Amino acid sequence: MQHAAWTEAVSRCAAFFGIAEKRLPAVLVLCLRERGDVLIQLRPETSLYKLCKKIASHPGYSPEDAIQLQERARLTALVERFPRRRRGRYEWRKADAPQEV
């Protein structure tokens, strides 16, 4: 009975998202930021756990991320200019004059 309920739930989800049942099993990834989706068909030997772990550990790139990456590089360069003490710690020093941003 549980298997029949699971089959019915999967069939209804596939119909709702417009996925042909012959393409199942699959993972549907929805991107809310770009309002797009990707359907990833799974082979029988594919571990859904391992797939999700890989996706989570390697997020995709978005054009909006460029600003954050540039800011990170700028801040890293500023930190690298600080004089280092032992064991990679940085010393605080007073800025001569505030920099224009």
PDB file of N, CA and C in Angstrom:
ATOM      1  N   MET A   1       0.826  -1.186   0.000  1.00  0.00           N
ATOM      2  CA  MET A   1       0.000   0.000   0.000  1.00  0.00           C
ATOM      3  C   MET A   1       0.880   1.264   0.000  1.00  0.00           C
ATOM      4  N   GLN A   2       1.966   1.238   0.769  1.00  0.00           N
ATOM      5  CA  GLN A   2       2.855   2.394   0.811  1.00  0.00           C
ATOM      6  C   GLN A   2       3.500   2.614  -0.549  1.00  0.00           C
ATOM      7  N   HIS A   3       3.858   1.527  -1.231  1.00  0.00           N
ATOM      8  CA  HIS A   3       4.470   1.652  -2.562  1.00  0.00           C
ATOM      9  C   HIS A   3       3.487   2.280  -3.557  1.00  0.00           C
ATOM     10  N   ALA A   4       2.224   1.885  -3.476  1.00  0.00           N
ATOM     11  CA  ALA A   4       1.203   2.450  -4.370  1.00  0.00           C
ATOM     12  C   ALA A   4       1.030   3.946  -4.110  1.00  0.00           C
ATOM     13  N   ALA A   5       1.054   4.344  -2.842  1.00  0.00           N
ATOM     14  CA  ALA A   5       0.913   5.765  -2.503  1.00  0.00           C
ATOM     15  C   ALA A   5       2.116   6.554  -3.017  1.00  0.00           C
ATOM     16  N   TRP A   6       3.306   5.972  -2.878  1.00  0.00           N
ATOM     17  CA  TRP A   6       4.527   6.636  -3.364  1.00  0.00           C
ATOM     18  C   TRP A   6       4.480   6.786  -4.874  1.00  0.00           C
ATOM     19  N   THR A   7       4.074   5.738  -5.578  1.00  0.00           N
ATOM     20  CA  THR A   7       3.958   5.781  -7.037  1.00  0.00           C
ATOM     21  C   THR A   7       2.965   6.852  -7.469  1.00  0.00           C
ATOM     22  N   GLU A   8       1.852   6.946  -6.787  1.00  0.00           N
ATOM     23  CA  GLU A   8       0.839   7.953  -7.100  1.00  0.00           C
ATOM     24  C   GLU A   8       1.388   9.362  -6.873  1.00  0.00           C
ATOM     25  N   ALA A   9       2.116   9.569  -5.777  1.00  0.00           N
ATOM     26  CA  ALA A   9       2.686  10.887  -5.479  1.00  0.00           C
ATOM     27  C   ALA A   9       3.699  11.291  -6.542  1.00  0.00           C
ATOM     28  N   VAL A  10       4.536  10.340  -6.955  1.00  0.00           N
ATOM     29  CA  VAL A  10       5.534  10.634  -7.989  1.00  0.00           C
ATOM     30  C   VAL A  10       4.853  10.957  -9.309  1.00  0.00           C
ATOM     31  N   SER A  11       3.833  10.200  -9.670  1.00  0.00           N
ATOM     32  CA  SER A  11       3.097  10.446 -10.916  1.00  0.00           C
ATOM     33  C   SER A  11       2.452  11.829 -10.914  1.00  0.00           C
ATOM     34  N   ARG A  12       1.876  12.217  -9.788  1.00  0.00           N
ATOM     35  CA  ARG A  12       1.237  13.531  -9.699  1.00  0.00           C
ATOM     36  C   ARG A  12       2.264  14.663  -9.796  1.00  0.00           C
ATOM     37  N   CYS A  13       3.410  14.497  -9.130  1.00  0.00           N
ATOM     38  CA  CYS A  13       4.465  15.515  -9.221  1.00  0.00           C
ATOM     39  C   CYS A  13       4.975  15.638 -10.648  1.00  0.00           C
ATOM     40  N   ALA A  14       5.186  14.503 -11.306  1.00  0.00           N
ATOM     41  CA  ALA A  14       5.667  14.523 -12.693  1.00  0.00           C
ATOM     42  C   ALA A  14       4.658  15.244 -13.590  1.00  0.00           C
ATOM     43  N   ALA A  15       3.378  14.963 -13.403  1.00  0.00           N
ATOM     44  CA  ALA A  15       2.339  15.623 -14.202  1.00  0.00           C
ATOM     45  C   ALA A  15       2.305  17.126 -13.903  1.00  0.00           C
ATOM     46  N   PHE A  16       2.435  17.503 -12.642  1.00  0.00           N
ATOM     47  CA  PHE A  16       2.400  18.911 -12.254  1.00  0.00           C
ATOM     48  C   PHE A  16       3.528  19.696 -12.913  1.00  0.00           C
ATOM     49  N   PHE A  17       4.743  19.123 -12.922  1.00  0.00           N
ATOM     50  CA  PHE A  17       5.895  19.813 -13.501  1.00  0.00           C
ATOM     51  C   PHE A  17       6.077  19.544 -14.993  1.00  0.00           C
ATOM     52  N   GLY A  18       5.207  18.726 -15.585  1.00  0.00           N
ATOM     53  CA  GLY A  18       5.295  18.449 -17.020  1.00  0.00           C
ATOM     54  C   GLY A  18       6.457  17.543 -17.388  1.00  0.00           C
ATOM     55  N   ILE A  19       6.767  16.595 -16.532  1.00  0.00           N
ATOM     56  CA  ILE A  19       7.878  15.669 -16.769  1.00  0.00           C
ATOM     57  C   ILE A  19       7.298  14.324 -17.202  1.00  0.00           C
ATOM     58  N   ALA A  20       7.788  13.821 -18.331  1.00  0.00           N
ATOM     59  CA  ALA A  20       7.340  12.508 -18.790  1.00  0.00           C
ATOM     60  C   ALA A  20       7.851  11.447 -17.820  1.00  0.00           C
ATOM     61  N   GLU A  21       6.982  10.497 -17.467  1.00  0.00           N
ATOM     62  CA  GLU A  21       7.383   9.474 -16.499  1.00  0.00           C
ATOM     63  C   GLU A  21       8.538   8.622 -16.999  1.00  0.00           C
ATOM     64  N   LYS A  22       8.747   8.541 -18.305  1.00  0.00           N
ATOM     65  CA  LYS A  22       9.878   7.765 -18.825  1.00  0.00           C
ATOM     66  C   LYS A  22      11.213   8.426 -18.478  1.00  0.00           C
ATOM     67  N   ARG A  23      11.191   9.707 -18.077  1.00  0.00           N
ATOM     68  CA  ARG A  23      12.416  10.414 -17.681  1.00  0.00           C
ATOM     69  C   ARG A  23      12.713  10.259 -16.199  1.00  0.00           C
ATOM     70  N   LEU A  24      11.872   9.533 -15.485  1.00  0.00           N
ATOM     71  CA  LEU A  24      12.074   9.305 -14.052  1.00  0.00           C
ATOM     72  C   LEU A  24      12.910   8.043 -13.852  1.00  0.00           C
ATOM     73  N   PRO A  25      13.694   7.920 -12.820  1.00  0.00           N
ATOM     74  CA  PRO A  25      13.876   8.860 -11.726  1.00  0.00           C
ATOM     75  C   PRO A  25      14.718  10.053 -12.170  1.00  0.00           C
ATOM     76  N   ALA A  26      14.425  11.183 -11.600  1.00  0.00           N
ATOM     77  CA  ALA A  26      15.123  12.412 -11.939  1.00  0.00           C
ATOM     78  C   ALA A  26      15.046  13.374 -10.752  1.00  0.00           C
ATOM     79  N   VAL A  27      15.906  14.373 -10.810  1.00  0.00           N
ATOM     80  CA  VAL A  27      15.889  15.446  -9.822  1.00  0.00           C
ATOM     81  C   VAL A  27      15.578  16.729 -10.574  1.00  0.00           C
ATOM     82  N   LEU A  28      14.585  17.455 -10.113  1.00  0.00           N
ATOM     83  CA  LEU A  28      14.237  18.734 -10.711  1.00  0.00           C
ATOM     84  C   LEU A  28      14.802  19.828  -9.814  1.00  0.00           C
ATOM     85  N   VAL A  29      15.712  20.627 -10.366  1.00  0.00           N
ATOM     86  CA  VAL A  29      16.337  21.709  -9.616  1.00  0.00           C
ATOM     87  C   VAL A  29      15.722  23.019 -10.087  1.00  0.00           C
ATOM     88  N   LEU A  30      15.105  23.743  -9.155  1.00  0.00           N
ATOM     89  CA  LEU A  30      14.478  25.016  -9.485  1.00  0.00           C
ATOM     90  C   LEU A  30      15.369  26.149  -8.998  1.00  0.00           C
ATOM     91  N   CYS A  31      15.664  27.111  -9.874  1.00  0.00           N
ATOM     92  CA  CYS A  31      16.441  28.286  -9.498  1.00  0.00           C
ATOM     93  C   CYS A  31      15.463  29.437  -9.330  1.00  0.00           C
ATOM     94  N   LEU A  32      15.241  29.838  -8.102  1.00  0.00           N
ATOM     95  CA  LEU A  32      14.274  30.899  -7.836  1.00  0.00           C
ATOM     96  C   LEU A  32      14.807  32.259  -8.252  1.00  0.00           C
ATOM     97  N   ARG A  33      16.134  32.433  -8.212  1.00  0.00           N
ATOM     98  CA  ARG A  33      16.722  33.722  -8.576  1.00  0.00           C
ATOM     99  C   ARG A  33      16.507  34.009 -10.058  1.00  0.00           C
ATOM    100  N   GLU A  34      16.782  33.019 -10.905  1.00  0.00           N
ATOM    101  CA  GLU A  34      16.679  33.228 -12.345  1.00  0.00           C
ATOM    102  C   GLU A  34      15.388  32.682 -12.930  1.00  0.00           C
ATOM    103  N   ARG A  35      14.549  32.129 -12.072  1.00  0.00           N
ATOM    104  CA  ARG A  35      13.269  31.558 -12.491  1.00  0.00           C
ATOM    105  C   ARG A  35      13.443  30.548 -13.615  1.00  0.00           C
ATOM    106  N   GLY A  36      14.378  29.650 -13.410  1.00  0.00           N
ATOM    107  CA  GLY A  36      14.628  28.591 -14.385  1.00  0.00           C
ATOM    108  C   GLY A  36      14.667  27.253 -13.684  1.00  0.00           C
ATOM    109  N   ASP A  37      14.773  26.198 -14.462  1.00  0.00           N
ATOM    110  CA  ASP A  37      14.862  24.872 -13.876  1.00  0.00           C
ATOM    111  C   ASP A  37      15.742  23.976 -14.737  1.00  0.00           C
ATOM    112  N   VAL A  38      16.211  22.906 -14.092  1.00  0.00           N
ATOM    113  CA  VAL A  38      17.024  21.902 -14.770  1.00  0.00           C
ATOM    114  C   VAL A  38      16.547  20.541 -14.296  1.00  0.00           C
ATOM    115  N   LEU A  39      16.306  19.648 -15.231  1.00  0.00           N
ATOM    116  CA  LEU A  39      15.911  18.285 -14.891  1.00  0.00           C
ATOM    117  C   LEU A  39      17.131  17.389 -15.076  1.00  0.00           C
ATOM    118  N   ILE A  40      17.536  16.720 -14.010  1.00  0.00           N
ATOM    119  CA  ILE A  40      18.695  15.831 -14.053  1.00  0.00           C
ATOM    120  C   ILE A  40      18.187  14.399 -13.960  1.00  0.00           C
ATOM    121  N   GLN A  41      18.320  13.662 -15.066  1.00  0.00           N
ATOM    122  CA  GLN A  41      17.909  12.259 -15.052  1.00  0.00           C
ATOM    123  C   GLN A  41      18.939  11.449 -14.298  1.00  0.00           C
ATOM    124  N   LEU A  42      18.479  10.515 -13.494  1.00  0.00           N
ATOM    125  CA  LEU A  42      19.366   9.698 -12.684  1.00  0.00           C
ATOM    126  C   LEU A  42      19.484   8.293 -13.256  1.00  0.00           C
ATOM    127  N   ARG A  43      20.686   7.762 -13.226  1.00  0.00           N
ATOM    128  CA  ARG A  43      20.893   6.357 -13.569  1.00  0.00           C
ATOM    129  C   ARG A  43      20.530   5.537 -12.337  1.00  0.00           C
ATOM    130  N   PRO A  44      20.206   4.275 -12.522  1.00  0.00           N
ATOM    131  CA  PRO A  44      19.845   3.453 -11.352  1.00  0.00           C
ATOM    132  C   PRO A  44      20.951   3.399 -10.293  1.00  0.00           C
ATOM    133  N   GLU A  45      22.216   3.489 -10.712  1.00  0.00           N
ATOM    134  CA  GLU A  45      23.326   3.400  -9.753  1.00  0.00           C
ATOM    135  C   GLU A  45      23.680   4.736  -9.111  1.00  0.00           C
ATOM    136  N   THR A  46      22.996   5.817  -9.497  1.00  0.00           N
ATOM    137  CA  THR A  46      23.287   7.142  -8.955  1.00  0.00           C
ATOM    138  C   THR A  46      22.760   7.270  -7.532  1.00  0.00           C
ATOM    139  N   SER A  47      23.610   7.766  -6.660  1.00  0.00           N
ATOM    140  CA  SER A  47      23.210   8.032  -5.282  1.00  0.00           C
ATOM    141  C   SER A  47      22.696   9.472  -5.201  1.00  0.00           C
ATOM    142  N   LEU A  48      21.463   9.637  -4.827  1.00  0.00           N
ATOM    143  CA  LEU A  48      20.880  10.965  -4.697  1.00  0.00           C
ATOM    144  C   LEU A  48      21.616  11.759  -3.617  1.00  0.00           C
ATOM    145  N   TYR A  49      22.011  11.081  -2.549  1.00  0.00           N
ATOM    146  CA  TYR A  49      22.761  11.745  -1.474  1.00  0.00           C
ATOM    147  C   TYR A  49      24.069  12.322  -2.007  1.00  0.00           C
ATOM    148  N   LYS A  50      24.844  11.523  -2.737  1.00  0.00           N
ATOM    149  CA  LYS A  50      26.134  11.991  -3.271  1.00  0.00           C
ATOM    150  C   LYS A  50      25.932  13.115  -4.283  1.00  0.00           C
ATOM    151  N   LEU A  51      24.893  13.015  -5.105  1.00  0.00           N
ATOM    152  CA  LEU A  51      24.609  14.055  -6.087  1.00  0.00           C
ATOM    153  C   LEU A  51      24.302  15.387  -5.389  1.00  0.00           C
ATOM    154  N   CYS A  52      23.440  15.366  -4.389  1.00  0.00           N
ATOM    155  CA  CYS A  52      23.099  16.591  -3.656  1.00  0.00           C
ATOM    156  C   CYS A  52      24.314  17.157  -2.940  1.00  0.00           C
ATOM    157  N   LYS A  53      25.149  16.292  -2.415  1.00  0.00           N
ATOM    158  CA  LYS A  53      26.357  16.747  -1.729  1.00  0.00           C
ATOM    159  C   LYS A  53      27.296  17.462  -2.699  1.00  0.00           C
ATOM    160  N   LYS A  54      27.440  16.920  -3.915  1.00  0.00           N
ATOM    161  CA  LYS A  54      28.292  17.564  -4.925  1.00  0.00           C
ATOM    162  C   LYS A  54      27.726  18.915  -5.353  1.00  0.00           C
ATOM    163  N   ILE A  55      26.423  18.981  -5.532  1.00  0.00           N
ATOM    164  CA  ILE A  55      25.784  20.234  -5.934  1.00  0.00           C
ATOM    165  C   ILE A  55      25.962  21.287  -4.845  1.00  0.00           C
ATOM    166  N   ALA A  56      25.760  20.900  -3.603  1.00  0.00           N
ATOM    167  CA  ALA A  56      25.869  21.847  -2.489  1.00  0.00           C
ATOM    168  C   ALA A  56      27.301  22.325  -2.286  1.00  0.00           C
ATOM    169  N   SER A  57      28.279  21.476  -2.574  1.00  0.00           N
ATOM    170  CA  SER A  57      29.666  21.862  -2.345  1.00  0.00           C
ATOM    171  C   SER A  57      30.264  22.622  -3.528  1.00  0.00           C
ATOM    172  N   HIS A  58      29.592  22.657  -4.650  1.00  0.00           N
ATOM    173  CA  HIS A  58      30.066  23.383  -5.834  1.00  0.00           C
ATOM    174  C   HIS A  58      28.927  24.207  -6.420  1.00  0.00           C
ATOM    175  N   PRO A  59      28.541  25.285  -5.716  1.00  0.00           N
ATOM    176  CA  PRO A  59      27.422  26.086  -6.234  1.00  0.00           C
ATOM    177  C   PRO A  59      27.761  26.736  -7.568  1.00  0.00           C
ATOM    178  N   GLY A  60      26.753  27.008  -8.324  1.00  0.00           N
ATOM    179  CA  GLY A  60      26.944  27.618  -9.637  1.00  0.00           C
ATOM    180  C   GLY A  60      27.338  29.079  -9.551  1.00  0.00           C
ATOM    181  N   TYR A  61      27.652  29.638 -10.660  1.00  0.00           N
ATOM    182  CA  TYR A  61      28.078  31.031 -10.765  1.00  0.00           C
ATOM    183  C   TYR A  61      26.956  31.849 -11.378  1.00  0.00           C
ATOM    184  N   SER A  62      26.733  33.020 -10.833  1.00  0.00           N
ATOM    185  CA  SER A  62      25.731  33.933 -11.362  1.00  0.00           C
ATOM    186  C   SER A  62      26.411  35.263 -11.665  1.00  0.00           C
ATOM    187  N   PRO A  63      25.989  35.986 -12.689  1.00  0.00           N
ATOM    188  CA  PRO A  63      26.616  37.272 -13.001  1.00  0.00           C
ATOM    189  C   PRO A  63      26.632  38.247 -11.815  1.00  0.00           C
ATOM    190  N   GLU A  64      25.623  38.162 -10.943  1.00  0.00           N
ATOM    191  CA  GLU A  64      25.594  39.041  -9.776  1.00  0.00           C
ATOM    192  C   GLU A  64      26.726  38.720  -8.797  1.00  0.00           C
ATOM    193  N   ASP A  65      27.270  37.502  -8.878  1.00  0.00           N
ATOM    194  CA  ASP A  65      28.346  37.098  -7.977  1.00  0.00           C
ATOM    195  C   ASP A  65      29.649  37.820  -8.290  1.00  0.00           C
ATOM    196  N   ALA A  66      29.796  38.376  -9.475  1.00  0.00           N
ATOM    197  CA  ALA A  66      31.043  39.032  -9.870  1.00  0.00           C
ATOM    198  C   ALA A  66      31.379  40.181  -8.933  1.00  0.00           C
ATOM    199  N   ILE A  67      30.392  40.943  -8.520  1.00  0.00           N
ATOM    200  CA  ILE A  67      30.623  42.073  -7.617  1.00  0.00           C
ATOM    201  C   ILE A  67      31.170  41.569  -6.288  1.00  0.00           C
ATOM    202  N   GLN A  68      30.582  40.508  -5.761  1.00  0.00           N
ATOM    203  CA  GLN A  68      31.049  39.957  -4.497  1.00  0.00           C
ATOM    204  C   GLN A  68      32.463  39.400  -4.629  1.00  0.00           C
ATOM    205  N   LEU A  69      32.769  38.760  -5.745  1.00  0.00           N
ATOM    206  CA  LEU A  69      34.110  38.219  -5.959  1.00  0.00           C
ATOM    207  C   LEU A  69      35.144  39.337  -6.077  1.00  0.00           C
ATOM    208  N   GLN A  70      34.788  40.432  -6.742  1.00  0.00           N
ATOM    209  CA  GLN A  70      35.699  41.575  -6.843  1.00  0.00           C
ATOM    210  C   GLN A  70      35.945  42.202  -5.476  1.00  0.00           C
ATOM    211  N   GLU A  71      34.894  42.325  -4.674  1.00  0.00           N
ATOM    212  CA  GLU A  71      35.030  42.902  -3.331  1.00  0.00           C
ATOM    213  C   GLU A  71      35.885  41.993  -2.451  1.00  0.00           C
ATOM    214  N   ARG A  72      35.699  40.707  -2.583  1.00  0.00           N
ATOM    215  CA  ARG A  72      36.518  39.755  -1.810  1.00  0.00           C
ATOM    216  C   ARG A  72      37.988  39.892  -2.188  1.00  0.00           C
ATOM    217  N   ALA A  73      38.279  39.993  -3.471  1.00  0.00           N
ATOM    218  CA  ALA A  73      39.665  40.144  -3.930  1.00  0.00           C
ATOM    219  C   ALA A  73      40.258  41.459  -3.419  1.00  0.00           C
ATOM    220  N   ARG A  74      39.462  42.530  -3.429  1.00  0.00           N
ATOM    221  CA  ARG A  74      39.941  43.828  -2.951  1.00  0.00           C
ATOM    222  C   ARG A  74      40.273  43.765  -1.471  1.00  0.00           C
ATOM    223  N   LEU A  75      39.379  43.177  -0.686  1.00  0.00           N
ATOM    224  CA  LEU A  75      39.606  43.076   0.758  1.00  0.00           C
ATOM    225  C   LEU A  75      40.781  42.159   1.075  1.00  0.00           C
ATOM    226  N   THR A  76      40.924  41.084   0.329  1.00  0.00           N
ATOM    227  CA  THR A  76      42.062  40.181   0.533  1.00  0.00           C
ATOM    228  C   THR A  76      43.367  40.908   0.270  1.00  0.00           C
ATOM    229  N   ALA A  77      43.401  41.711  -0.788  1.00  0.00           N
ATOM    230  CA  ALA A  77      44.611  42.474  -1.106  1.00  0.00           C
ATOM    231  C   ALA A  77      44.927  43.476   0.005  1.00  0.00           C
ATOM    232  N   LEU A  78      43.906  44.101   0.571  1.00  0.00           N
ATOM    233  CA  LEU A  78      44.130  45.036   1.680  1.00  0.00           C
ATOM    234  C   LEU A  78      44.702  44.319   2.903  1.00  0.00           C
ATOM    235  N   VAL A  79      44.152  43.171   3.215  1.00  0.00           N
ATOM    236  CA  VAL A  79      44.628  42.414   4.374  1.00  0.00           C
ATOM    237  C   VAL A  79      46.067  41.970   4.166  1.00  0.00           C
ATOM    238  N   GLU A  80      46.406  41.576   2.955  1.00  0.00           N
ATOM    239  CA  GLU A  80      47.771  41.112   2.671  1.00  0.00           C
ATOM    240  C   GLU A  80      48.802  42.226   2.856  1.00  0.00           C
ATOM    241  N   ARG A  81      48.381  43.477   2.829  1.00  0.00           N
ATOM    242  CA  ARG A  81      49.312  44.591   3.029  1.00  0.00           C
ATOM    243  C   ARG A  81      49.665  44.807   4.496  1.00  0.00           C
ATOM    244  N   PHE A  82      48.854  44.258   5.416  1.00  0.00           N
ATOM    245  CA  PHE A  82      49.169  44.400   6.836  1.00  0.00           C
ATOM    246  C   PHE A  82      50.461  43.667   7.157  1.00  0.00           C
ATOM    247  N   PRO A  83      51.301  44.257   8.038  1.00  0.00           N
ATOM    248  CA  PRO A  83      52.511  43.538   8.444  1.00  0.00           C
ATOM    249  C   PRO A  83      52.124  42.297   9.253  1.00  0.00           C
ATOM    250  N   ARG A  84      52.798  41.188   8.979  1.00  0.00           N
ATOM    251  CA  ARG A  84      52.492  39.937   9.684  1.00  0.00           C
ATOM    252  C   ARG A  84      53.372  39.768  10.907  1.00  0.00           C
ATOM    253  N   ARG A  85      52.785  39.218  11.940  1.00  0.00           N
ATOM    254  CA  ARG A  85      53.535  38.794  13.109  1.00  0.00           C
ATOM    255  C   ARG A  85      53.712  37.294  13.008  1.00  0.00           C
ATOM    256  N   ARG A  86      54.194  36.684  14.054  1.00  0.00           N
ATOM    257  CA  ARG A  86      54.371  35.232  14.043  1.00  0.00           C
ATOM    258  C   ARG A  86      53.045  34.510  13.866  1.00  0.00           C
ATOM    259  N   ARG A  87      53.101  33.336  13.290  1.00  0.00           N
ATOM    260  CA  ARG A  87      51.962  32.422  13.091  1.00  0.00           C
ATOM    261  C   ARG A  87      50.835  33.035  12.262  1.00  0.00           C
ATOM    262  N   GLY A  88      51.181  33.883  11.317  1.00  0.00           N
ATOM    263  CA  GLY A  88      50.185  34.395  10.377  1.00  0.00           C
ATOM    264  C   GLY A  88      49.235  35.436  10.929  1.00  0.00           C
ATOM    265  N   ARG A  89      49.459  35.909  12.149  1.00  0.00           N
ATOM    266  CA  ARG A  89      48.582  36.932  12.704  1.00  0.00           C
ATOM    267  C   ARG A  89      48.984  38.298  12.164  1.00  0.00           C
ATOM    268  N   TYR A  90      48.027  39.191  12.098  1.00  0.00           N
ATOM    269  CA  TYR A  90      48.270  40.525  11.563  1.00  0.00           C
ATOM    270  C   TYR A  90      48.301  41.543  12.688  1.00  0.00           C
ATOM    271  N   GLU A  91      49.098  42.586  12.512  1.00  0.00           N
ATOM    272  CA  GLU A  91      49.152  43.684  13.467  1.00  0.00           C
ATOM    273  C   GLU A  91      48.166  44.760  13.028  1.00  0.00           C
ATOM    274  N   TRP A  92      47.579  45.430  13.993  1.00  0.00           N
ATOM    275  CA  TRP A  92      46.724  46.565  13.680  1.00  0.00           C
ATOM    276  C   TRP A  92      47.603  47.801  13.556  1.00  0.00           C
ATOM    277  N   ARG A  93      47.301  48.643  12.628  1.00  0.00           N
ATOM    278  CA  ARG A  93      48.015  49.907  12.523  1.00  0.00           C
ATOM    279  C   ARG A  93      47.021  50.984  12.140  1.00  0.00           C
ATOM    280  N   LYS A  94      47.342  52.189  12.487  1.00  0.00           N
ATOM    281  CA  LYS A  94      46.460  53.316  12.213  1.00  0.00           C
ATOM    282  C   LYS A  94      46.655  53.750  10.763  1.00  0.00           C
ATOM    283  N   ALA A  95      45.583  53.979  10.067  1.00  0.00           N
ATOM    284  CA  ALA A  95      45.663  54.442   8.683  1.00  0.00           C
ATOM    285  C   ALA A  95      46.108  55.892   8.668  1.00  0.00           C
ATOM    286  N   ASP A  96      46.967  56.235   7.728  1.00  0.00           N
ATOM    287  CA  ASP A  96      47.442  57.616   7.607  1.00  0.00           C
ATOM    288  C   ASP A  96      46.300  58.551   7.230  1.00  0.00           C
ATOM    289  N   ALA A  97      45.540  58.150   6.252  1.00  0.00           N
ATOM    290  CA  ALA A  97      44.384  58.938   5.819  1.00  0.00           C
ATOM    291  C   ALA A  97      43.346  57.983   5.264  1.00  0.00           C
ATOM    292  N   PRO A  98      42.080  58.226   5.516  1.00  0.00           N
ATOM    293  CA  PRO A  98      41.056  57.327   4.968  1.00  0.00           C
ATOM    294  C   PRO A  98      41.097  57.313   3.452  1.00  0.00           C
ATOM    295  N   GLN A  99      40.890  56.130   2.895  1.00  0.00           N
ATOM    296  CA  GLN A  99      40.897  56.006   1.433  1.00  0.00           C
ATOM    297  C   GLN A  99      39.516  56.309   0.889  1.00  0.00           C
ATOM    298  N   GLU A 100      39.505  56.932  -0.275  1.00  0.00           N
ATOM    299  CA  GLU A 100      38.252  57.205  -0.960  1.00  0.00           C
ATOM    300  C   GLU A 100      37.758  55.906  -1.598  1.00  0.00           C
ATOM    301  N   VAL A 101      36.472  55.635  -1.474  1.00  0.00           N
ATOM    302  CA  VAL A 101      35.908  54.427  -2.061  1.00  0.00           C
ATOM    303  C   VAL A 101      35.045  54.763  -3.237  1.00  0.00           C
TER     304      VAL A 101
END
